[in-house]
C-alpha atoms as a PDB file:
ATOM      1  CA  GLN A   1    -154.712-162.465 -13.877  1.00  0.00           C
ATOM      2  CA  VAL A   2    -151.952-160.308 -12.212  1.00  0.00           C
ATOM      3  CA  HIS A   3    -148.127-160.415 -13.277  1.00  0.00           C
ATOM      4  CA  VAL A   4    -145.289-158.910 -11.733  1.00  0.00           C
ATOM      5  CA  GLY A   5    -142.174-159.394 -13.138  1.00  0.00           C
ATOM      6  CA  GLU A   6    -138.683-158.220 -12.141  1.00  0.00           C
ATOM      7  CA  SER A   7    -135.744-158.342 -15.057  1.00  0.00           C
ATOM      8  CA  GLY A   8    -131.927-156.751 -15.905  1.00  0.00           C
ATOM      9  CA  GLY A   9    -130.108-158.408 -12.716  1.00  0.00           C
ATOM     10  CA  GLY A  10    -126.499-160.067 -13.407  1.00  0.00           C
ATOM     11  CA  LEU A  11    -123.582-159.625 -12.769  1.00  0.00           C
ATOM     12  CA  VAL A  12    -121.535-156.564 -12.476  1.00  0.00           C
ATOM     13  CA  GLN A  13    -117.570-155.427 -10.376  1.00  0.00           C
ATOM     14  CA  ALA A  14    -117.891-153.399  -7.503  1.00  0.00           C
ATOM     15  CA  GLY A  15    -118.305-150.343  -8.099  1.00  0.00           C
ATOM     16  CA  GLY A  16    -120.046-150.580 -11.048  1.00  0.00           C
ATOM     17  CA  SER A  17    -124.090-149.772 -11.687  1.00  0.00           C
ATOM     18  CA  LEU A  18    -126.513-152.323 -12.879  1.00  0.00           C
ATOM     19  CA  ARG A  19    -130.753-151.259 -13.542  1.00  0.00           C
ATOM     20  CA  VAL A  20    -133.668-153.415 -12.135  1.00  0.00           C
ATOM     21  CA  SER A  21    -137.033-153.620 -14.228  1.00  0.00           C
ATOM     22  CA  CYS A  22    -140.579-154.364 -12.913  1.00  0.00           C
ATOM     23  CA  ALA A  23    -143.002-154.302 -15.141  1.00  0.00           C
ATOM     24  CA  ALA A  24    -146.831-154.664 -13.493  1.00  0.00           C
ATOM     25  CA  SER A  25    -149.837-155.962 -15.317  1.00  0.00           C
ATOM     26  CA  GLY A  26    -152.719-156.968 -14.184  1.00  0.00           C
ATOM     27  CA  PHE A  27    -153.881-153.908 -12.250  1.00  0.00           C
ATOM     28  CA  ALA A  28    -154.402-149.693 -11.268  1.00  0.00           C
ATOM     29  CA  PHE A  29    -150.437-149.582 -12.215  1.00  0.00           C
ATOM     30  CA  SER A  30    -151.316-145.096 -10.976  1.00  0.00           C
ATOM     31  CA  SER A  31    -153.146-146.414  -8.055  1.00  0.00           C
ATOM     32  CA  VAL A  32    -150.023-148.144  -6.079  1.00  0.00           C
ATOM     33  CA  ALA A  33    -147.312-147.926  -4.016  1.00  0.00           C
ATOM     34  CA  MET A  34    -144.218-149.451  -5.493  1.00  0.00           C
ATOM     35  CA  GLY A  35    -141.510-151.195  -3.896  1.00  0.00           C
ATOM     36  CA  TRP A  36    -137.859-153.414  -4.507  1.00  0.00           C
ATOM     37  CA  PHE A  37    -137.310-155.991  -1.476  1.00  0.00           C
ATOM     38  CA  ARG A  38    -133.649-158.047  -1.695  1.00  0.00           C
ATOM     39  CA  HIS A  39    -133.200-161.617   0.209  1.00  0.00           C
ATOM     40  CA  ALA A  40    -129.370-162.300   0.708  1.00  0.00           C
ATOM     41  CA  PRO A  41    -128.644-165.895   1.940  1.00  0.00           C
ATOM     42  CA  GLY A  42    -128.575-166.575   5.587  1.00  0.00           C
ATOM     43  CA  ARG A  43    -130.170-162.814   6.203  1.00  0.00           C
ATOM     44  CA  VAL A  44    -134.026-161.953   6.599  1.00  0.00           C
ATOM     45  CA  ARG A  45    -135.854-160.225   3.437  1.00  0.00           C
ATOM     46  CA  GLU A  46    -134.368-156.669   3.664  1.00  0.00           C
ATOM     47  CA  PHE A  47    -136.109-153.461   2.566  1.00  0.00           C
ATOM     48  CA  VAL A  48    -134.977-151.882  -0.165  1.00  0.00           C
ATOM     49  CA  ALA A  49    -136.666-148.331  -1.422  1.00  0.00           C
ATOM     50  CA  THR A  50    -140.291-147.813  -2.147  1.00  0.00           C
ATOM     51  CA  ILE A  51    -142.030-145.076  -4.072  1.00  0.00           C
ATOM     52  CA  ASN A  52    -145.438-143.806  -4.415  1.00  0.00           C
ATOM     53  CA  TRP A  53    -148.148-143.829  -7.125  1.00  0.00           C
ATOM     54  CA  SER A  54    -147.230-140.743  -9.097  1.00  0.00           C
ATOM     55  CA  GLY A  55    -142.939-141.068  -8.129  1.00  0.00           C
ATOM     56  CA  SER A  56    -142.833-137.510  -6.777  1.00  0.00           C
ATOM     57  CA  SER A  57    -142.165-139.537  -2.972  1.00  0.00           C
ATOM     58  CA  ALA A  58    -139.190-142.151  -2.164  1.00  0.00           C
ATOM     59  CA  ASP A  59    -138.100-143.364   0.656  1.00  0.00           C
ATOM     60  CA  TYR A  60    -134.622-145.847   0.721  1.00  0.00           C
ATOM     61  CA  ALA A  61    -132.616-148.693   3.688  1.00  0.00           C
ATOM     62  CA  GLU A  62    -129.956-146.193   4.657  1.00  0.00           C
ATOM     63  CA  SER A  63    -127.476-148.829   3.663  1.00  0.00           C
ATOM     64  CA  VAL A  64    -128.347-147.866   0.187  1.00  0.00           C
ATOM     65  CA  LYS A  65    -129.639-144.149   0.529  1.00  0.00           C
ATOM     66  CA  GLY A  66    -127.073-142.105  -1.881  1.00  0.00           C
ATOM     67  CA  ARG A  67    -126.364-145.069  -4.225  1.00  0.00           C
ATOM     68  CA  PHE A  68    -129.763-146.318  -5.212  1.00  0.00           C
ATOM     69  CA  THR A  69    -132.164-144.126  -6.409  1.00  0.00           C
ATOM     70  CA  ILE A  70    -136.192-146.685  -7.097  1.00  0.00           C
ATOM     71  CA  SER A  71    -138.745-143.977 -10.321  1.00  0.00           C
ATOM     72  CA  ARG A  72    -141.788-145.245 -12.286  1.00  0.00           C
ATOM     73  CA  ASP A  73    -143.396-145.023 -15.608  1.00  0.00           C
ATOM     74  CA  ASN A  74    -146.859-145.415 -14.969  1.00  0.00           C
ATOM     75  CA  ALA A  75    -147.571-145.335 -18.858  1.00  0.00           C
ATOM     76  CA  LYS A  76    -145.741-148.279 -19.359  1.00  0.00           C
ATOM     77  CA  ARG A  77    -146.401-149.436 -15.665  1.00  0.00           C
ATOM     78  CA  THR A  78    -142.988-149.779 -14.952  1.00  0.00           C
ATOM     79  CA  VAL A  79    -140.846-148.818 -11.751  1.00  0.00           C
ATOM     80  CA  TYR A  80    -136.584-149.072 -11.899  1.00  0.00           C
ATOM     81  CA  LEU A  81    -134.254-149.044  -9.584  1.00  0.00           C
ATOM     82  CA  GLN A  82    -131.113-148.259 -10.503  1.00  0.00           C
ATOM     83  CA  MET A  83    -127.985-149.072  -8.130  1.00  0.00           C
ATOM     84  CA  ASN A  84    -124.832-147.686  -8.396  1.00  0.00           C
ATOM     85  CA  SER A  85    -121.531-147.441  -6.261  1.00  0.00           C
ATOM     86  CA  LEU A  86    -122.464-151.629  -6.227  1.00  0.00           C
ATOM     87  CA  LYS A  87    -120.959-153.358  -3.613  1.00  0.00           C
ATOM     88  CA  PRO A  88    -120.586-157.622  -2.609  1.00  0.00           C
ATOM     89  CA  GLU A  89    -122.912-156.318   0.378  1.00  0.00           C
ATOM     90  CA  ASP A  90    -125.589-155.969  -2.434  1.00  0.00           C
ATOM     91  CA  THR A  91    -125.257-159.756  -3.317  1.00  0.00           C
ATOM     92  CA  ALA A  92    -128.568-160.262  -3.308  1.00  0.00           C
ATOM     93  CA  VAL A  93    -132.371-162.156  -5.191  1.00  0.00           C
ATOM     94  CA  TYR A  94    -134.060-158.781  -5.691  1.00  0.00           C
ATOM     95  CA  TYR A  95    -138.199-158.881  -5.689  1.00  0.00           C
ATOM     96  CA  CYS A  96    -140.922-155.627  -6.602  1.00  0.00           C
ATOM     97  CA  ALA A  97    -143.579-155.088  -5.076  1.00  0.00           C
ATOM     98  CA  VAL A  98    -147.056-153.609  -5.412  1.00  0.00           C
ATOM     99  CA  ARG A  99    -148.752-151.963  -2.686  1.00  0.00           C
ATOM    100  CA  ARG A 100    -152.972-151.513  -4.301  1.00  0.00           C
ATOM    101  CA  PHE A 101    -154.001-149.126  -1.301  1.00  0.00           C
ATOM    102  CA  GLY A 102    -152.438-146.681   0.766  1.00  0.00           C
ATOM    103  CA  THR A 103    -148.385-145.105   1.175  1.00  0.00           C
ATOM    104  CA  PRO A 104    -145.691-147.087   0.567  1.00  0.00           C
ATOM    105  CA  GLY A 105    -143.973-148.126   3.844  1.00  0.00           C
ATOM    106  CA  GLN A 106    -140.985-150.781   5.020  1.00  0.00           C
ATOM    107  CA  SER A 107    -142.695-153.132   5.893  1.00  0.00           C
ATOM    108  CA  PRO A 108    -143.092-156.304   3.634  1.00  0.00           C
ATOM    109  CA  ASN A 109    -146.761-156.776   5.124  1.00  0.00           C
ATOM    110  CA  TYR A 110    -148.759-154.016   3.265  1.00  0.00           C
ATOM    111  CA  TYR A 111    -146.858-154.961  -0.659  1.00  0.00           C
ATOM    112  CA  ASP A 112    -150.431-157.165  -2.503  1.00  0.00           C
ATOM    113  CA  TYR A 113    -148.237-158.563  -5.133  1.00  0.00           C
ATOM    114  CA  TRP A 114    -144.869-159.759  -5.439  1.00  0.00           C
ATOM    115  CA  GLY A 115    -142.555-160.652  -7.874  1.00  0.00           C
ATOM    116  CA  GLN A 116    -140.708-163.773  -8.480  1.00  0.00           C
ATOM    117  CA  GLY A 117    -137.374-162.298  -7.951  1.00  0.00           C
ATOM    118  CA  ILE A 118    -134.200-161.285 -10.421  1.00  0.00           C
ATOM    119  CA  GLN A 119    -130.412-161.962  -8.893  1.00  0.00           C
ATOM    120  CA  VAL A 120    -128.100-159.227  -8.482  1.00  0.00           C
ATOM    121  CA  THR A 121    -124.195-160.581  -8.363  1.00  0.00           C
ATOM    122  CA  VAL A 122    -121.550-157.990  -7.140  1.00  0.00           C
ATOM    123  CA  SER A 123    -117.938-158.916  -7.252  1.00  0.00           C
ATOM    124  CA  SER A 124    -115.315-157.440  -5.689  1.00  0.00           C
END
């Protein structure tokens, strides 16, 4: 069965760093694009970052560009989101998503599988 699971969330002070991970199974991991989205209370689900099948190309939301880095390790079937210089407005549930076919994209409609989400809280 397909499984997508996030880990590594938690509480961090503003200006600090946190890395969340997403391990996935049940499909050909090295053939898919991966993405991160987030959902904060009172706001719509927001695109954060995406990475292509090989890790050679990535795209970021303007709000996180220069602070967040997405990467992947296909041997470990894992994608990472390194979050630096965190701000209180980064507080959200972060979701890992899988796009089985095509290139990375910012629309959630492109993605086929989703993790359950993991809480990231940034205190001021």
